[in-house]
PDB file of N, CA and C in Angstrom:
ATOM      1  N   ASP A   1       0.827  -1.189   0.000  1.00  0.00           N
ATOM      2  CA  ASP A   1       0.000   0.000   0.000  1.00  0.00           C
ATOM      3  C   ASP A   1       0.868   1.249   0.000  1.00  0.00           C
ATOM      4  N   VAL A   2       1.938   1.202  -0.739  1.00  0.00           N
ATOM      5  CA  VAL A   2       2.949   2.256  -0.676  1.00  0.00           C
ATOM      6  C   VAL A   2       2.430   3.630  -1.108  1.00  0.00           C
ATOM      7  N   GLY A   3       1.350   3.709  -1.826  1.00  0.00           N
ATOM      8  CA  GLY A   3       0.848   4.997  -2.286  1.00  0.00           C
ATOM      9  C   GLY A   3       0.120   5.805  -1.231  1.00  0.00           C
ATOM     10  N   LYS A   4      -0.203   5.210  -0.117  1.00  0.00           N
ATOM     11  CA  LYS A   4      -0.974   5.907   0.920  1.00  0.00           C
ATOM     12  C   LYS A   4      -0.063   6.800   1.767  1.00  0.00           C
ATOM     13  N   PHE A   5      -0.492   8.055   1.914  1.00  0.00           N
ATOM     14  CA  PHE A   5       0.220   9.019   2.768  1.00  0.00           C
ATOM     15  C   PHE A   5       1.714   9.078   2.419  1.00  0.00           C
ATOM     16  N   PHE A   6       1.992   9.247   1.132  1.00  0.00           N
ATOM     17  CA  PHE A   6       3.369   9.211   0.625  1.00  0.00           C
ATOM     18  C   PHE A   6       3.707  10.527  -0.056  1.00  0.00           C
ATOM     19  N   ASP A   7       4.749  11.196   0.397  1.00  0.00           N
ATOM     20  CA  ASP A   7       5.309  12.373  -0.272  1.00  0.00           C
ATOM     21  C   ASP A   7       6.506  11.880  -1.069  1.00  0.00           C
ATOM     22  N   ARG A   8       6.311  11.655  -2.360  1.00  0.00           N
ATOM     23  CA  ARG A   8       7.364  11.087  -3.213  1.00  0.00           C
ATOM     24  C   ARG A   8       8.564  12.016  -3.358  1.00  0.00           C
ATOM     25  N   GLU A   9       8.321  13.308  -3.394  1.00  0.00           N
ATOM     26  CA  GLU A   9       9.427  14.257  -3.568  1.00  0.00           C
ATOM     27  C   GLU A   9      10.403  14.199  -2.400  1.00  0.00           C
ATOM     28  N   ARG A  10       9.880  14.156  -1.198  1.00  0.00           N
ATOM     29  CA  ARG A  10      10.726  14.108  -0.001  1.00  0.00           C
ATOM     30  C   ARG A  10      11.064  12.688   0.416  1.00  0.00           C
ATOM     31  N   GLY A  11      10.339  11.705  -0.125  1.00  0.00           N
ATOM     32  CA  GLY A  11      10.578  10.313   0.249  1.00  0.00           C
ATOM     33  C   GLY A  11      10.137  10.015   1.667  1.00  0.00           C
ATOM     34  N   VAL A  12       8.894  10.414   2.009  1.00  0.00           N
ATOM     35  CA  VAL A  12       8.371  10.237   3.365  1.00  0.00           C
ATOM     36  C   VAL A  12       7.028   9.512   3.315  1.00  0.00           C
ATOM     37  N   LEU A  13       6.891   8.482   4.150  1.00  0.00           N
ATOM     38  CA  LEU A  13       5.630   7.765   4.356  1.00  0.00           C
ATOM     39  C   LEU A  13       5.213   8.005   5.801  1.00  0.00           C
ATOM     40  N   ASP A  14       4.086   8.710   5.995  1.00  0.00           N
ATOM     41  CA  ASP A  14       3.669   9.082   7.347  1.00  0.00           C
ATOM     42  C   ASP A  14       2.151   9.253   7.367  1.00  0.00           C
ATOM     43  N   VAL A  15       1.454   8.539   8.248  1.00  0.00           N
ATOM     44  CA  VAL A  15      -0.009   8.642   8.312  1.00  0.00           C
ATOM     45  C   VAL A  15      -0.464  10.041   8.723  1.00  0.00           C
ATOM     46  N   ASN A  16       0.423  10.841   9.291  1.00  0.00           N
ATOM     47  CA  ASN A  16       0.085  12.212   9.674  1.00  0.00           C
ATOM     48  C   ASN A  16       0.624  13.237   8.680  1.00  0.00           C
ATOM     49  N   LEU A  17       0.967  12.786   7.496  1.00  0.00           N
ATOM     50  CA  LEU A  17       1.558  13.658   6.486  1.00  0.00           C
ATOM     51  C   LEU A  17       0.585  14.741   6.023  1.00  0.00           C
ATOM     52  N   TYR A  18      -0.672  14.384   5.861  1.00  0.00           N
ATOM     53  CA  TYR A  18      -1.684  15.320   5.367  1.00  0.00           C
ATOM     54  C   TYR A  18      -2.803  15.456   6.391  1.00  0.00           C
ATOM     55  N   ASP A  19      -3.328  16.656   6.520  1.00  0.00           N
ATOM     56  CA  ASP A  19      -4.417  16.931   7.455  1.00  0.00           C
ATOM     57  C   ASP A  19      -5.731  16.962   6.683  1.00  0.00           C
ATOM     58  N   TYR A  20      -6.231  15.780   6.340  1.00  0.00           N
ATOM     59  CA  TYR A  20      -7.477  15.686   5.578  1.00  0.00           C
ATOM     60  C   TYR A  20      -8.666  16.192   6.385  1.00  0.00           C
ATOM     61  N   GLY A  21      -8.631  16.040   7.692  1.00  0.00           N
ATOM     62  CA  GLY A  21      -9.739  16.483   8.528  1.00  0.00           C
ATOM     63  C   GLY A  21      -9.997  17.970   8.402  1.00  0.00           C
ATOM     64  N   SER A  22      -8.954  18.788   8.464  1.00  0.00           N
ATOM     65  CA  SER A  22      -9.111  20.236   8.344  1.00  0.00           C
ATOM     66  C   SER A  22      -9.468  20.643   6.925  1.00  0.00           C
ATOM     67  N   LEU A  23      -8.885  19.972   5.952  1.00  0.00           N
ATOM     68  CA  LEU A  23      -9.101  20.332   4.552  1.00  0.00           C
ATOM     69  C   LEU A  23     -10.481  19.928   4.056  1.00  0.00           C
ATOM     70  N   MET A  24     -10.902  18.706   4.358  1.00  0.00           N
ATOM     71  CA  MET A  24     -12.146  18.176   3.797  1.00  0.00           C
ATOM     72  C   MET A  24     -13.238  17.937   4.829  1.00  0.00           C
ATOM     73  N   GLY A  25     -12.925  18.138   6.089  1.00  0.00           N
ATOM     74  CA  GLY A  25     -13.917  17.913   7.125  1.00  0.00           C
ATOM     75  C   GLY A  25     -14.226  16.444   7.361  1.00  0.00           C
ATOM     76  N   THR A  26     -13.296  15.575   6.998  1.00  0.00           N
ATOM     77  CA  THR A  26     -13.502  14.138   7.186  1.00  0.00           C
ATOM     78  C   THR A  26     -12.178  13.461   7.504  1.00  0.00           C
ATOM     79  N   THR A  27     -12.264  12.288   8.048  1.00  0.00           N
ATOM     80  CA  THR A  27     -11.070  11.492   8.310  1.00  0.00           C
ATOM     81  C   THR A  27     -11.277  10.109   7.711  1.00  0.00           C
ATOM     82  N   PHE A  28     -10.225   9.321   7.678  1.00  0.00           N
ATOM     83  CA  PHE A  28     -10.303   7.956   7.190  1.00  0.00           C
ATOM     84  C   PHE A  28     -10.416   7.058   8.416  1.00  0.00           C
ATOM     85  N   GLY A  29     -11.647   6.679   8.761  1.00  0.00           N
ATOM     86  CA  GLY A  29     -11.907   6.028  10.024  1.00  0.00           C
ATOM     87  C   GLY A  29     -11.755   4.526  10.071  1.00  0.00           C
ATOM     88  N   MET A  30     -11.392   3.876   8.966  1.00  0.00           N
ATOM     89  CA  MET A  30     -11.271   2.422   9.003  1.00  0.00           C
ATOM     90  C   MET A  30      -9.932   2.001   9.592  1.00  0.00           C
ATOM     91  N   ASN A  31      -9.961   0.920  10.361  1.00  0.00           N
ATOM     92  CA  ASN A  31      -8.708   0.356  10.846  1.00  0.00           C
ATOM     93  C   ASN A  31      -8.138  -0.583   9.777  1.00  0.00           C
ATOM     94  N   LYS A  32      -6.979  -1.143  10.037  1.00  0.00           N
ATOM     95  CA  LYS A  32      -6.298  -1.978   9.043  1.00  0.00           C
ATOM     96  C   LYS A  32      -7.162  -3.171   8.625  1.00  0.00           C
ATOM     97  N   LYS A  33      -7.769  -3.844   9.582  1.00  0.00           N
ATOM     98  CA  LYS A  33      -8.624  -4.998   9.271  1.00  0.00           C
ATOM     99  C   LYS A  33      -9.768  -4.593   8.350  1.00  0.00           C
ATOM    100  N   GLN A  34     -10.437  -3.484   8.654  1.00  0.00           N
ATOM    101  CA  GLN A  34     -11.556  -3.025   7.831  1.00  0.00           C
ATOM    102  C   GLN A  34     -11.091  -2.635   6.430  1.00  0.00           C
ATOM    103  N   ARG A  35      -9.920  -1.997   6.329  1.00  0.00           N
ATOM    104  CA  ARG A  35      -9.402  -1.624   5.006  1.00  0.00           C
ATOM    105  C   ARG A  35      -9.110  -2.862   4.164  1.00  0.00           C
ATOM    106  N   ILE A  36      -8.562  -3.908   4.791  1.00  0.00           N
ATOM    107  CA  ILE A  36      -8.273  -5.150   4.064  1.00  0.00           C
ATOM    108  C   ILE A  36      -9.574  -5.809   3.625  1.00  0.00           C
ATOM    109  N   GLN A  37     -10.550  -5.914   4.519  1.00  0.00           N
ATOM    110  CA  GLN A  37     -11.811  -6.585   4.214  1.00  0.00           C
ATOM    111  C   GLN A  37     -12.600  -5.892   3.112  1.00  0.00           C
ATOM    112  N   THR A  38     -12.433  -4.585   2.973  1.00  0.00           N
ATOM    113  CA  THR A  38     -13.169  -3.839   1.950  1.00  0.00           C
ATOM    114  C   THR A  38     -12.309  -3.528   0.725  1.00  0.00           C
ATOM    115  N   PHE A  39     -11.143  -4.140   0.646  1.00  0.00           N
ATOM    116  CA  PHE A  39     -10.208  -3.955  -0.468  1.00  0.00           C
ATOM    117  C   PHE A  39      -9.715  -2.514  -0.588  1.00  0.00           C
ATOM    118  N   ALA A  40      -9.777  -1.746   0.498  1.00  0.00           N
ATOM    119  CA  ALA A  40      -9.261  -0.380   0.492  1.00  0.00           C
ATOM    120  C   ALA A  40      -7.765  -0.351   0.771  1.00  0.00           C
ATOM    121  N   SER A  41      -7.205  -1.483   1.162  1.00  0.00           N
ATOM    122  CA  SER A  41      -5.789  -1.563   1.481  1.00  0.00           C
ATOM    123  C   SER A  41      -5.314  -2.973   1.176  1.00  0.00           C
ATOM    124  N   GLY A  42      -4.076  -3.076   0.726  1.00  0.00           N
ATOM    125  CA  GLY A  42      -3.550  -4.401   0.431  1.00  0.00           C
ATOM    126  C   GLY A  42      -2.067  -4.384   0.125  1.00  0.00           C
ATOM    127  N   SER A  43      -1.494  -5.555   0.084  1.00  0.00           N
ATOM    128  CA  SER A  43      -0.069  -5.725  -0.190  1.00  0.00           C
ATOM    129  C   SER A  43       0.204  -5.452  -1.663  1.00  0.00           C
ATOM    130  N   SER A  44       1.070  -4.474  -1.940  1.00  0.00           N
ATOM    131  CA  SER A  44       1.242  -4.069  -3.336  1.00  0.00           C
ATOM    132  C   SER A  44       2.678  -3.750  -3.743  1.00  0.00           C
ATOM    133  N   HIS A  45       3.618  -3.770  -2.823  1.00  0.00           N
ATOM    134  CA  HIS A  45       4.936  -3.245  -3.159  1.00  0.00           C
ATOM    135  C   HIS A  45       5.979  -3.831  -2.211  1.00  0.00           C
ATOM    136  N   ALA A  46       7.189  -4.004  -2.695  1.00  0.00           N
ATOM    137  CA  ALA A  46       8.277  -4.519  -1.855  1.00  0.00           C
ATOM    138  C   ALA A  46       9.383  -3.475  -1.718  1.00  0.00           C
ATOM    139  N   MET A  47       9.931  -3.358  -0.518  1.00  0.00           N
ATOM    140  CA  MET A  47      11.054  -2.474  -0.238  1.00  0.00           C
ATOM    141  C   MET A  47      11.987  -3.202   0.726  1.00  0.00           C
ATOM    142  N   THR A  48      13.213  -2.738   0.810  1.00  0.00           N
ATOM    143  CA  THR A  48      14.203  -3.339   1.700  1.00  0.00           C
ATOM    144  C   THR A  48      14.425  -2.442   2.910  1.00  0.00           C
ATOM    145  N   LEU A  49      14.255  -2.999   4.112  1.00  0.00           N
ATOM    146  CA  LEU A  49      14.530  -2.233   5.329  1.00  0.00           C
ATOM    147  C   LEU A  49      16.036  -2.036   5.454  1.00  0.00           C
ATOM    148  N   MET A  50      16.467  -0.788   5.647  1.00  0.00           N
ATOM    149  CA  MET A  50      17.891  -0.466   5.723  1.00  0.00           C
ATOM    150  C   MET A  50      18.337  -0.084   7.134  1.00  0.00           C
ATOM    151  N   ALA A  51      17.447   0.619   7.864  1.00  0.00           N
ATOM    152  CA  ALA A  51      17.820   1.100   9.198  1.00  0.00           C
ATOM    153  C   ALA A  51      16.558   1.408   9.988  1.00  0.00           C
ATOM    154  N   VAL A  52      16.717   1.498  11.305  1.00  0.00           N
ATOM    155  CA  VAL A  52      15.605   1.862  12.180  1.00  0.00           C
ATOM    156  C   VAL A  52      16.098   2.885  13.199  1.00  0.00           C
ATOM    157  N   ASP A  53      15.259   3.869  13.499  1.00  0.00           N
ATOM    158  CA  ASP A  53      15.543   4.876  14.518  1.00  0.00           C
ATOM    159  C   ASP A  53      14.725   4.502  15.750  1.00  0.00           C
ATOM    160  N   LEU A  54      15.407   4.189  16.847  1.00  0.00           N
ATOM    161  CA  LEU A  54      14.740   3.744  18.067  1.00  0.00           C
ATOM    162  C   LEU A  54      14.632   4.871  19.081  1.00  0.00           C
ATOM    163  N   ASP A  55      13.565   4.846  19.871  1.00  0.00           N
ATOM    164  CA  ASP A  55      13.439   5.824  20.951  1.00  0.00           C
ATOM    165  C   ASP A  55      14.265   5.369  22.158  1.00  0.00           C
ATOM    166  N   GLU A  56      14.169   6.111  23.258  1.00  0.00           N
ATOM    167  CA  GLU A  56      14.982   5.809  24.440  1.00  0.00           C
ATOM    168  C   GLU A  56      14.629   4.463  25.082  1.00  0.00           C
ATOM    169  N   ASN A  57      13.466   3.907  24.728  1.00  0.00           N
ATOM    170  CA  ASN A  57      13.047   2.601  25.250  1.00  0.00           C
ATOM    171  C   ASN A  57      13.299   1.461  24.268  1.00  0.00           C
ATOM    172  N   GLY A  58      13.962   1.776  23.161  1.00  0.00           N
ATOM    173  CA  GLY A  58      14.261   0.752  22.169  1.00  0.00           C
ATOM    174  C   GLY A  58      13.116   0.431  21.230  1.00  0.00           C
ATOM    175  N   LYS A  59      12.079   1.267  21.213  1.00  0.00           N
ATOM    176  CA  LYS A  59      10.934   1.064  20.322  1.00  0.00           C
ATOM    177  C   LYS A  59      11.156   1.847  19.028  1.00  0.00           C
ATOM    178  N   PRO A  60      10.784   1.275  17.879  1.00  0.00           N
ATOM    179  CA  PRO A  60      10.981   1.969  16.603  1.00  0.00           C
ATOM    180  C   PRO A  60      10.174   3.260  16.511  1.00  0.00           C
ATOM    181  N   LYS A  61      10.814   4.316  15.986  1.00  0.00           N
ATOM    182  CA  LYS A  61      10.137   5.576  15.688  1.00  0.00           C
ATOM    183  C   LYS A  61       9.935   5.709  14.186  1.00  0.00           C
ATOM    184  N   LYS A  62      10.995   5.399  13.441  1.00  0.00           N
ATOM    185  CA  LYS A  62      10.898   5.469  11.980  1.00  0.00           C
ATOM    186  C   LYS A  62      11.893   4.505  11.360  1.00  0.00           C
ATOM    187  N   TRP A  63      11.644   4.198  10.098  1.00  0.00           N
ATOM    188  CA  TRP A  63      12.432   3.221   9.353  1.00  0.00           C
ATOM    189  C   TRP A  63      12.957   3.855   8.076  1.00  0.00           C
ATOM    190  N   MET A  64      14.170   3.502   7.683  1.00  0.00           N
ATOM    191  CA  MET A  64      14.681   3.896   6.377  1.00  0.00           C
ATOM    192  C   MET A  64      14.606   2.659   5.487  1.00  0.00           C
ATOM    193  N   VAL A  65      14.011   2.828   4.319  1.00  0.00           N
ATOM    194  CA  VAL A  65      13.891   1.712   3.392  1.00  0.00           C
ATOM    195  C   VAL A  65      14.485   2.092   2.048  1.00  0.00           C
ATOM    196  N   GLU A  66      14.979   1.093   1.343  1.00  0.00           N
ATOM    197  CA  GLU A  66      15.438   1.291  -0.024  1.00  0.00           C
ATOM    198  C   GLU A  66      14.282   0.889  -0.919  1.00  0.00           C
ATOM    199  N   ASN A  67      13.876   1.817  -1.753  1.00  0.00           N
ATOM    200  CA  ASN A  67      12.735   1.600  -2.622  1.00  0.00           C
ATOM    201  C   ASN A  67      13.191   1.053  -3.964  1.00  0.00           C
ATOM    202  N   SER A  68      12.371   0.257  -4.579  1.00  0.00           N
ATOM    203  CA  SER A  68      12.724  -0.366  -5.860  1.00  0.00           C
ATOM    204  C   SER A  68      12.530   0.561  -7.049  1.00  0.00           C
ATOM    205  N   TRP A  69      12.154   1.808  -6.821  1.00  0.00           N
ATOM    206  CA  TRP A  69      11.936   2.735  -7.918  1.00  0.00           C
ATOM    207  C   TRP A  69      13.216   3.423  -8.381  1.00  0.00           C
ATOM    208  N   GLY A  70      14.341   3.064  -7.819  1.00  0.00           N
ATOM    209  CA  GLY A  70      15.605   3.652  -8.246  1.00  0.00           C
ATOM    210  C   GLY A  70      15.846   5.014  -7.627  1.00  0.00           C
ATOM    211  N   PRO A  71      16.464   5.936  -8.375  1.00  0.00           N
ATOM    212  CA  PRO A  71      16.926   7.195  -7.797  1.00  0.00           C
ATOM    213  C   PRO A  71      15.831   8.209  -7.470  1.00  0.00           C
ATOM    214  N   ARG A  72      14.604   7.993  -7.945  1.00  0.00           N
ATOM    215  CA  ARG A  72      13.536   8.938  -7.604  1.00  0.00           C
ATOM    216  C   ARG A  72      13.207   8.837  -6.119  1.00  0.00           C
ATOM    217  N   ALA A  73      12.425   9.770  -5.641  1.00  0.00           N
ATOM    218  CA  ALA A  73      11.978   9.784  -4.241  1.00  0.00           C
ATOM    219  C   ALA A  73      13.157   9.697  -3.280  1.00  0.00           C
ATOM    220  N   ASN A  74      13.891  10.791  -3.199  1.00  0.00           N
ATOM    221  CA  ASN A  74      14.988  10.894  -2.226  1.00  0.00           C
ATOM    222  C   ASN A  74      16.089   9.873  -2.506  1.00  0.00           C
ATOM    223  N   ALA A  75      16.528   9.812  -3.748  1.00  0.00           N
ATOM    224  CA  ALA A  75      17.618   8.922  -4.177  1.00  0.00           C
ATOM    225  C   ALA A  75      17.313   7.449  -3.904  1.00  0.00           C
ATOM    226  N   GLY A  76      16.026   7.090  -3.992  1.00  0.00           N
ATOM    227  CA  GLY A  76      15.646   5.696  -3.798  1.00  0.00           C
ATOM    228  C   GLY A  76      15.494   5.282  -2.351  1.00  0.00           C
ATOM    229  N   HIS A  77      15.708   6.212  -1.413  1.00  0.00           N
ATOM    230  CA  HIS A  77      15.545   5.904   0.010  1.00  0.00           C
ATOM    231  C   HIS A  77      14.319   6.630   0.549  1.00  0.00           C
ATOM    232  N   VAL A  78      13.543   5.923   1.332  1.00  0.00           N
ATOM    233  CA  VAL A  78      12.305   6.455   1.874  1.00  0.00           C
ATOM    234  C   VAL A  78      12.340   6.312   3.393  1.00  0.00           C
ATOM    235  N   ILE A  79      11.812   7.311   4.081  1.00  0.00           N
ATOM    236  CA  ILE A  79      11.665   7.244   5.531  1.00  0.00           C
ATOM    237  C   ILE A  79      10.188   6.996   5.829  1.00  0.00           C
ATOM    238  N   MET A  80       9.906   5.935   6.592  1.00  0.00           N
ATOM    239  CA  MET A  80       8.527   5.667   6.998  1.00  0.00           C
ATOM    240  C   MET A  80       8.441   5.707   8.520  1.00  0.00           C
ATOM    241  N   THR A  81       7.375   6.325   9.007  1.00  0.00           N
ATOM    242  CA  THR A  81       7.167   6.325  10.451  1.00  0.00           C
ATOM    243  C   THR A  81       6.740   4.925  10.889  1.00  0.00           C
ATOM    244  N   ASP A  82       6.933   4.629  12.158  1.00  0.00           N
ATOM    245  CA  ASP A  82       6.529   3.321  12.663  1.00  0.00           C
ATOM    246  C   ASP A  82       5.017   3.155  12.590  1.00  0.00           C
ATOM    247  N   LYS A  83       4.279   4.240  12.750  1.00  0.00           N
ATOM    248  CA  LYS A  83       2.809   4.177  12.633  1.00  0.00           C
ATOM    249  C   LYS A  83       2.417   3.793  11.205  1.00  0.00           C
ATOM    250  N   TRP A  84       3.093   4.355  10.195  1.00  0.00           N
ATOM    251  CA  TRP A  84       2.802   3.973   8.804  1.00  0.00           C
ATOM    252  C   TRP A  84       3.140   2.495   8.611  1.00  0.00           C
ATOM    253  N   PHE A  85       4.283   2.064   9.145  1.00  0.00           N
ATOM    254  CA  PHE A  85       4.704   0.666   9.076  1.00  0.00           C
ATOM    255  C   PHE A  85       3.613  -0.236   9.655  1.00  0.00           C
ATOM    256  N   ASP A  86       3.079   0.115  10.826  1.00  0.00           N
ATOM    257  CA  ASP A  86       2.025  -0.685  11.462  1.00  0.00           C
ATOM    258  C   ASP A  86       0.756  -0.734  10.611  1.00  0.00           C
ATOM    259  N   GLU A  87       0.391   0.380  10.011  1.00  0.00           N
ATOM    260  CA  GLU A  87      -0.863   0.465   9.264  1.00  0.00           C
ATOM    261  C   GLU A  87      -0.801  -0.137   7.862  1.00  0.00           C
ATOM    262  N   TYR A  88       0.349  -0.062   7.197  1.00  0.00           N
ATOM    263  CA  TYR A  88       0.388  -0.417   5.775  1.00  0.00           C
ATOM    264  C   TYR A  88       1.393  -1.496   5.396  1.00  0.00           C
ATOM    265  N   MET A  89       2.124  -2.033   6.331  1.00  0.00           N
ATOM    266  CA  MET A  89       3.030  -3.142   6.033  1.00  0.00           C
ATOM    267  C   MET A  89       2.233  -4.432   6.160  1.00  0.00           C
ATOM    268  N   PHE A  90       2.375  -5.317   5.164  1.00  0.00           N
ATOM    269  CA  PHE A  90       1.596  -6.551   5.156  1.00  0.00           C
ATOM    270  C   PHE A  90       2.444  -7.806   5.262  1.00  0.00           C
ATOM    271  N   ARG A  91       3.541  -7.840   4.570  1.00  0.00           N
ATOM    272  CA  ARG A  91       4.389  -9.038   4.579  1.00  0.00           C
ATOM    273  C   ARG A  91       5.824  -8.605   4.818  1.00  0.00           C
ATOM    274  N   LEU A  92       6.553  -9.448   5.538  1.00  0.00           N
ATOM    275  CA  LEU A  92       7.923  -9.112   5.887  1.00  0.00           C
ATOM    276  C   LEU A  92       8.769 -10.374   5.844  1.00  0.00           C
ATOM    277  N   VAL A  93       9.923 -10.281   5.227  1.00  0.00           N
ATOM    278  CA  VAL A  93      10.871 -11.391   5.199  1.00  0.00           C
ATOM    279  C   VAL A  93      12.017 -11.018   6.134  1.00  0.00           C
ATOM    280  N   VAL A  94      12.267 -11.871   7.131  1.00  0.00           N
ATOM    281  CA  VAL A  94      13.280 -11.585   8.147  1.00  0.00           C
ATOM    282  C   VAL A  94      14.143 -12.820   8.351  1.00  0.00           C
ATOM    283  N   ASN A  95      15.443 -12.623   8.435  1.00  0.00           N
ATOM    284  CA  ASN A  95      16.346 -13.717   8.769  1.00  0.00           C
ATOM    285  C   ASN A  95      15.998 -14.209  10.174  1.00  0.00           C
ATOM    286  N   LYS A  96      15.890 -15.532  10.338  1.00  0.00           N
ATOM    287  CA  LYS A  96      15.481 -16.105  11.628  1.00  0.00           C
ATOM    288  C   LYS A  96      16.385 -15.702  12.786  1.00  0.00           C
ATOM    289  N   LYS A  97      17.616 -15.335  12.512  1.00  0.00           N
ATOM    290  CA  LYS A  97      18.507 -14.951  13.613  1.00  0.00           C
ATOM    291  C   LYS A  97      18.065 -13.646  14.281  1.00  0.00           C
ATOM    292  N   TYR A  98      17.171 -12.894  13.635  1.00  0.00           N
ATOM    293  CA  TYR A  98      16.716 -11.620  14.188  1.00  0.00           C
ATOM    294  C   TYR A  98      15.360 -11.703  14.883  1.00  0.00           C
ATOM    295  N   ILE A  99      14.725 -12.871  14.919  1.00  0.00           N
ATOM    296  CA  ILE A  99      13.408 -12.955  15.539  1.00  0.00           C
ATOM    297  C   ILE A  99      13.490 -13.641  16.904  1.00  0.00           C
ATOM    298  N   THR A 100      12.519 -13.331  17.737  1.00  0.00           N
ATOM    299  CA  THR A 100      12.498 -13.864  19.099  1.00  0.00           C
ATOM    300  C   THR A 100      12.073 -15.334  19.106  1.00  0.00           C
ATOM    301  N   ASP A 101      12.357 -15.996  20.208  1.00  0.00           N
ATOM    302  CA  ASP A 101      11.930 -17.387  20.364  1.00  0.00           C
ATOM    303  C   ASP A 101      10.408 -17.500  20.316  1.00  0.00           C
ATOM    304  N   LYS A 102       9.714 -16.495  20.836  1.00  0.00           N
ATOM    305  CA  LYS A 102       8.244 -16.494  20.816  1.00  0.00           C
ATOM    306  C   LYS A 102       7.727 -16.516  19.374  1.00  0.00           C
ATOM    307  N   VAL A 103       8.318 -15.709  18.515  1.00  0.00           N
ATOM    308  CA  VAL A 103       7.916 -15.688  17.106  1.00  0.00           C
ATOM    309  C   VAL A 103       8.280 -17.010  16.436  1.00  0.00           C
ATOM    310  N   LYS A 104       9.423 -17.566  16.779  1.00  0.00           N
ATOM    311  CA  LYS A 104       9.821 -18.859  16.204  1.00  0.00           C
ATOM    312  C   LYS A 104       8.805 -19.944  16.546  1.00  0.00           C
ATOM    313  N   GLU A 105       8.219 -19.886  17.735  1.00  0.00           N
ATOM    314  CA  GLU A 105       7.185 -20.855  18.120  1.00  0.00           C
ATOM    315  C   GLU A 105       5.936 -20.690  17.256  1.00  0.00           C
ATOM    316  N   VAL A 106       5.567 -19.459  16.976  1.00  0.00           N
ATOM    317  CA  VAL A 106       4.403 -19.201  16.115  1.00  0.00           C
ATOM    318  C   VAL A 106       4.631 -19.796  14.730  1.00  0.00           C
ATOM    319  N   LEU A 107       5.856 -19.732  14.242  1.00  0.00           N
ATOM    320  CA  LEU A 107       6.171 -20.255  12.912  1.00  0.00           C
ATOM    321  C   LEU A 107       6.006 -21.771  12.818  1.00  0.00           C
ATOM    322  N   LYS A 108       5.939 -22.444  13.952  1.00  0.00           N
ATOM    323  CA  LYS A 108       5.760 -23.898  13.949  1.00  0.00           C
ATOM    324  C   LYS A 108       4.300 -24.308  13.745  1.00  0.00           C
ATOM    325  N   GLN A 109       3.384 -23.353  13.835  1.00  0.00           N
ATOM    326  CA  GLN A 109       1.968 -23.648  13.646  1.00  0.00           C
ATOM    327  C   GLN A 109       1.683 -24.010  12.191  1.00  0.00           C
ATOM    328  N   LYS A 110       0.631 -24.778  11.995  1.00  0.00           N
ATOM    329  CA  LYS A 110       0.209 -25.113  10.636  1.00  0.00           C
ATOM    330  C   LYS A 110      -0.344 -23.843   9.985  1.00  0.00           C
ATOM    331  N   PRO A 111       0.161 -23.478   8.809  1.00  0.00           N
ATOM    332  CA  PRO A 111      -0.324 -22.260   8.153  1.00  0.00           C
ATOM    333  C   PRO A 111      -1.766 -22.408   7.671  1.00  0.00           C
ATOM    334  N   THR A 112      -2.459 -21.292   7.595  1.00  0.00           N
ATOM    335  CA  THR A 112      -3.811 -21.254   7.053  1.00  0.00           C
ATOM    336  C   THR A 112      -3.722 -20.835   5.595  1.00  0.00           C
ATOM    337  N   ARG A 113      -4.199 -21.687   4.710  1.00  0.00           N
ATOM    338  CA  ARG A 113      -4.168 -21.366   3.276  1.00  0.00           C
ATOM    339  C   ARG A 113      -5.332 -20.423   2.957  1.00  0.00           C
ATOM    340  N   LEU A 114      -5.007 -19.298   2.347  1.00  0.00           N
ATOM    341  CA  LEU A 114      -6.025 -18.332   1.956  1.00  0.00           C
ATOM    342  C   LEU A 114      -6.443 -18.589   0.514  1.00  0.00           C
ATOM    343  N   PRO A 115      -7.719 -18.398   0.195  1.00  0.00           N
ATOM    344  CA  PRO A 115      -8.147 -18.576  -1.198  1.00  0.00           C
ATOM    345  C   PRO A 115      -7.613 -17.442  -2.074  1.00  0.00           C
ATOM    346  N   ALA A 116      -7.534 -17.685  -3.358  1.00  0.00           N
ATOM    347  CA  ALA A 116      -6.978 -16.699  -4.299  1.00  0.00           C
ATOM    348  C   ALA A 116      -7.754 -15.389  -4.289  1.00  0.00           C
ATOM    349  N   TRP A 117      -9.029 -15.408  -3.941  1.00  0.00           N
ATOM    350  CA  TRP A 117      -9.853 -14.208  -3.935  1.00  0.00           C
ATOM    351  C   TRP A 117      -9.795 -13.449  -2.607  1.00  0.00           C
ATOM    352  N   ASP A 118      -8.968 -13.904  -1.680  1.00  0.00           N
ATOM    353  CA  ASP A 118      -8.824 -13.229  -0.399  1.00  0.00           C
ATOM    354  C   ASP A 118      -8.298 -11.807  -0.607  1.00  0.00           C
ATOM    355  N   PRO A 119      -8.769 -10.836   0.191  1.00  0.00           N
ATOM    356  CA  PRO A 119      -8.293  -9.456   0.051  1.00  0.00           C
ATOM    357  C   PRO A 119      -6.774  -9.291   0.140  1.00  0.00           C
ATOM    358  N   MET A 120      -6.081 -10.208   0.781  1.00  0.00           N
ATOM    359  CA  MET A 120      -4.621 -10.096   0.884  1.00  0.00           C
ATOM    360  C   MET A 120      -3.933 -10.177  -0.473  1.00  0.00           C
ATOM    361  N   PHE A 121      -4.636 -10.688  -1.489  1.00  0.00           N
ATOM    362  CA  PHE A 121      -4.030 -10.849  -2.810  1.00  0.00           C
ATOM    363  C   PHE A 121      -4.624  -9.901  -3.846  1.00  0.00           C
ATOM    364  N   ALA A 122      -5.381  -8.918  -3.409  1.00  0.00           N
ATOM    365  CA  ALA A 122      -6.037  -8.000  -4.336  1.00  0.00           C
ATOM    366  C   ALA A 122      -5.012  -7.139  -5.062  1.00  0.00           C
ATOM    367  N   ASP A 123      -5.282  -6.859  -6.338  1.00  0.00           N
ATOM    368  CA  ASP A 123      -4.423  -5.967  -7.119  1.00  0.00           C
ATOM    369  C   ASP A 123      -4.568  -4.546  -6.612  1.00  0.00           C
ATOM    370  N   GLU A 124      -3.487  -3.788  -6.726  1.00  0.00           N
ATOM    371  CA  GLU A 124      -3.547  -2.376  -6.369  1.00  0.00           C
ATOM    372  C   GLU A 124      -4.157  -1.623  -7.540  1.00  0.00           C
ATOM    373  N   ASP A 125      -5.149  -0.797  -7.251  1.00  0.00           N
ATOM    374  CA  ASP A 125      -5.782   0.009  -8.311  1.00  0.00           C
ATOM    375  C   ASP A 125      -5.253   1.410  -8.285  1.00  0.00           C
TER     376      ASP A 125
END
């Protein structure tokens, strides 16, 4: 869902980038689950995580990603806030050496096969 709340010129992905409420008198009130179920949001783009900026408690504030669009949008590097990451990131590939034992236990569960028409596989319009 890389097109949502994206300033391509500056290379910034941030859910607070635009103040639609003041401009149009409305907000986008659906949560991630509702956006997926109504095909308003979906997995559409791949990027490589390059770095993370952590707060004083070790929690992510923002992420630097390398975008596959090449030199456009801030020389191919994009900064996304952690809130944008939470709202619009769908799939992630991580080397097992970086995940916790708790997550490794979840990976042992039998996967649920989704049908081809599931919203997770919807084309980006």
